[in-house]
Protein backbone atom coordinates (compact mmCIF):
# COMPACT_ATOMS: atom_id res chain seq x y z
CA MET A 1 1.07 -8.47 -27.48
CA PRO A 2 0.90 -9.34 -23.79
CA MET A 3 3.32 -7.54 -21.50
CA ASN A 4 5.82 -9.53 -19.43
CA THR A 5 5.28 -8.86 -15.73
CA GLN A 6 6.85 -9.98 -12.48
CA ASN A 7 5.93 -9.95 -8.80
CA ILE A 8 7.60 -8.68 -5.62
CA HIS A 9 7.34 -10.29 -2.19
CA GLN A 10 8.95 -8.50 0.78
CA THR A 11 8.71 -8.84 4.54
CA TYR A 12 9.80 -6.06 6.89
CA PHE A 13 9.71 -5.82 10.70
CA PHE A 14 8.84 -2.58 12.51
CA LYS A 15 9.17 -1.92 16.23
CA ALA A 16 5.68 -0.44 16.32
CA THR A 17 2.07 -1.59 16.60
CA PRO A 18 0.11 -2.69 13.52
CA ASP A 19 -2.08 0.42 13.74
CA GLN A 20 0.99 2.70 13.77
CA VAL A 21 2.42 1.04 10.64
CA TYR A 22 -0.99 0.90 8.93
CA ASN A 23 -1.57 4.61 9.59
CA LEU A 24 1.73 5.56 7.95
CA ILE A 25 0.36 4.10 4.72
CA VAL A 26 -3.22 5.46 4.78
CA ASP A 27 -3.05 8.68 6.81
CA GLU A 28 -2.39 11.57 4.42
CA GLU A 29 -0.51 13.67 6.99
CA LEU A 30 1.68 10.81 8.25
CA HIS A 31 2.35 9.51 4.72
CA SER A 32 3.48 12.98 3.64
CA ALA A 33 5.58 13.36 6.80
CA PHE A 34 7.62 10.17 6.44
CA THR A 35 8.07 10.49 2.65
CA GLY A 36 8.73 14.22 2.65
CA SER A 37 6.39 14.59 -0.32
CA HIS A 38 2.72 15.33 -0.95
CA ALA A 39 0.19 12.49 -0.66
CA GLU A 40 -3.58 12.34 -1.05
CA ILE A 41 -4.57 9.05 0.53
CA ASN A 42 -7.07 7.50 2.94
CA ASP A 43 -8.49 4.12 3.87
CA VAL A 44 -11.84 4.33 2.08
CA VAL A 45 -12.55 1.45 -0.32
CA GLY A 46 -13.06 2.75 -3.85
CA ASP A 47 -11.19 6.02 -3.28
CA ASP A 48 -8.32 7.04 -5.54
CA PHE A 49 -4.96 7.99 -4.02
CA ASN A 50 -1.64 9.45 -5.05
CA ALA A 51 1.71 9.76 -3.31
CA TRP A 52 5.20 11.10 -3.91
CA ASP A 53 3.83 14.29 -5.51
CA GLY A 54 1.77 12.21 -7.97
CA TYR A 55 4.55 9.78 -8.93
CA ILE A 56 2.38 6.96 -7.55
CA GLU A 57 -1.37 6.67 -8.08
CA GLY A 58 -4.05 4.09 -7.60
CA LYS A 59 -7.30 3.03 -5.95
CA ASN A 60 -8.15 1.34 -2.65
CA LEU A 61 -9.67 -2.09 -3.35
CA GLU A 62 -9.86 -3.70 0.09
CA ILE A 63 -9.26 -2.32 3.58
CA VAL A 64 -9.24 -4.21 6.87
CA PRO A 65 -8.15 -1.51 9.37
CA ASN A 66 -4.77 -2.23 11.00
CA GLN A 67 -4.60 -5.63 9.22
CA LYS A 68 -4.69 -5.42 5.43
CA ILE A 69 -4.66 -2.99 2.50
CA VAL A 70 -5.13 -3.97 -1.15
CA GLN A 71 -4.70 -1.31 -3.84
CA LEU A 72 -4.49 -0.93 -7.58
CA TRP A 73 -1.15 0.80 -8.06
CA ARG A 74 0.93 2.38 -10.80
CA SER A 75 3.99 4.61 -10.99
CA GLN A 76 5.28 7.23 -13.40
CA GLU A 77 8.31 4.99 -14.03
CA ASN A 78 9.60 5.49 -17.60
CA ASP A 79 8.82 1.97 -18.80
CA TRP A 80 5.44 1.71 -17.04
CA PRO A 81 2.56 1.72 -19.57
CA GLU A 82 0.07 4.51 -18.88
CA ASP A 83 -2.99 2.23 -18.76
CA HIS A 84 -1.42 -0.56 -16.66
CA PHE A 85 -2.01 -1.10 -12.93
CA SER A 86 -0.39 -3.62 -10.63
CA THR A 87 -1.94 -4.81 -7.37
CA VAL A 88 -0.24 -4.21 -4.01
CA THR A 89 -1.16 -5.97 -0.77
CA PHE A 90 0.06 -4.93 2.68
CA VAL A 91 -0.60 -7.34 5.58
CA PHE A 92 0.16 -6.16 9.13
CA GLU A 93 0.72 -8.85 11.78
CA PRO A 94 1.65 -8.32 15.43
CA LYS A 95 4.87 -10.22 16.07
CA ASN A 96 7.68 -10.12 18.68
CA GLY A 97 6.45 -6.87 20.24
CA GLY A 98 6.21 -5.14 16.88
CA THR A 99 4.67 -5.57 13.44
CA GLU A 100 5.65 -7.80 10.58
CA LEU A 101 4.61 -6.24 7.30
CA THR A 102 4.20 -8.70 4.46
CA PHE A 103 4.10 -6.93 1.13
CA ASP A 104 3.22 -8.31 -2.29
CA GLN A 105 3.01 -6.52 -5.59
CA ILE A 106 1.86 -8.42 -8.67
CA ASP A 107 1.82 -7.59 -12.40
CA ILE A 108 4.77 -5.18 -12.41
CA PRO A 109 6.07 -4.47 -15.92
CA GLU A 110 9.29 -6.47 -16.23
CA ALA A 111 11.38 -3.42 -17.15
CA CYS A 112 10.37 -1.71 -13.88
CA VAL A 113 10.79 -4.57 -11.38
CA GLU A 114 14.34 -3.77 -10.24
CA ASN A 115 13.64 -0.07 -9.57
CA ILE A 116 10.28 -0.74 -7.92
CA THR A 117 11.72 -3.51 -5.71
CA GLN A 118 14.49 -1.25 -4.43
CA GLY A 119 12.12 1.71 -4.27
CA TRP A 120 9.91 0.05 -1.65
CA ILE A 121 12.96 -0.49 0.54
CA ASN A 122 14.56 2.93 0.03
CA TYR A 123 11.43 5.11 -0.09
CA TYR A 124 9.02 3.23 2.17
CA TRP A 125 10.33 0.63 4.60
CA LYS A 126 13.51 2.47 5.71
CA PRO A 127 11.90 5.94 6.01
CA MET A 128 8.92 4.39 7.83
CA GLU A 129 11.27 2.72 10.28
CA GLU A 130 13.20 5.96 10.81
CA TYR A 131 9.99 7.92 11.31
CA LEU A 132 8.66 5.39 13.85
CA VAL A 133 11.95 5.42 15.82
CA LYS A 134 12.01 9.22 15.82
CA HIS A 135 8.39 9.43 17.03
CA GLU A 136 8.19 6.34 19.27
CA SER A 137 7.61 8.35 22.45
CA GLU A 138 4.59 10.23 21.01
């Protein structure tokens, strides 16, 4: 029986350059710093990654440095089937002296959509913004 899935589309503005925002996603040290949890991640196509102490895992599918990241992605969410991956796409565009991040995630198990949608805001966009503000003079 096919699983019902949904998609997420979010846009977030950061007062930082595209490379600063991009690096928060793919630089292991920076990713761990802003999330406060262990991450093993890079920007090499074909490489596996994990974040949030293994709560998130996936594989890099497409990388255009400072512009775009496409990954297979799954979480340890209770209702997330073990063999199912969604696809996430991050697009970084310079805009108004900062960066507009356009984020899409497709094929999310329906039972997980609400938690995952809020999770990106609470555990990624807001902490990234706080980290960038705190370190803007570096």
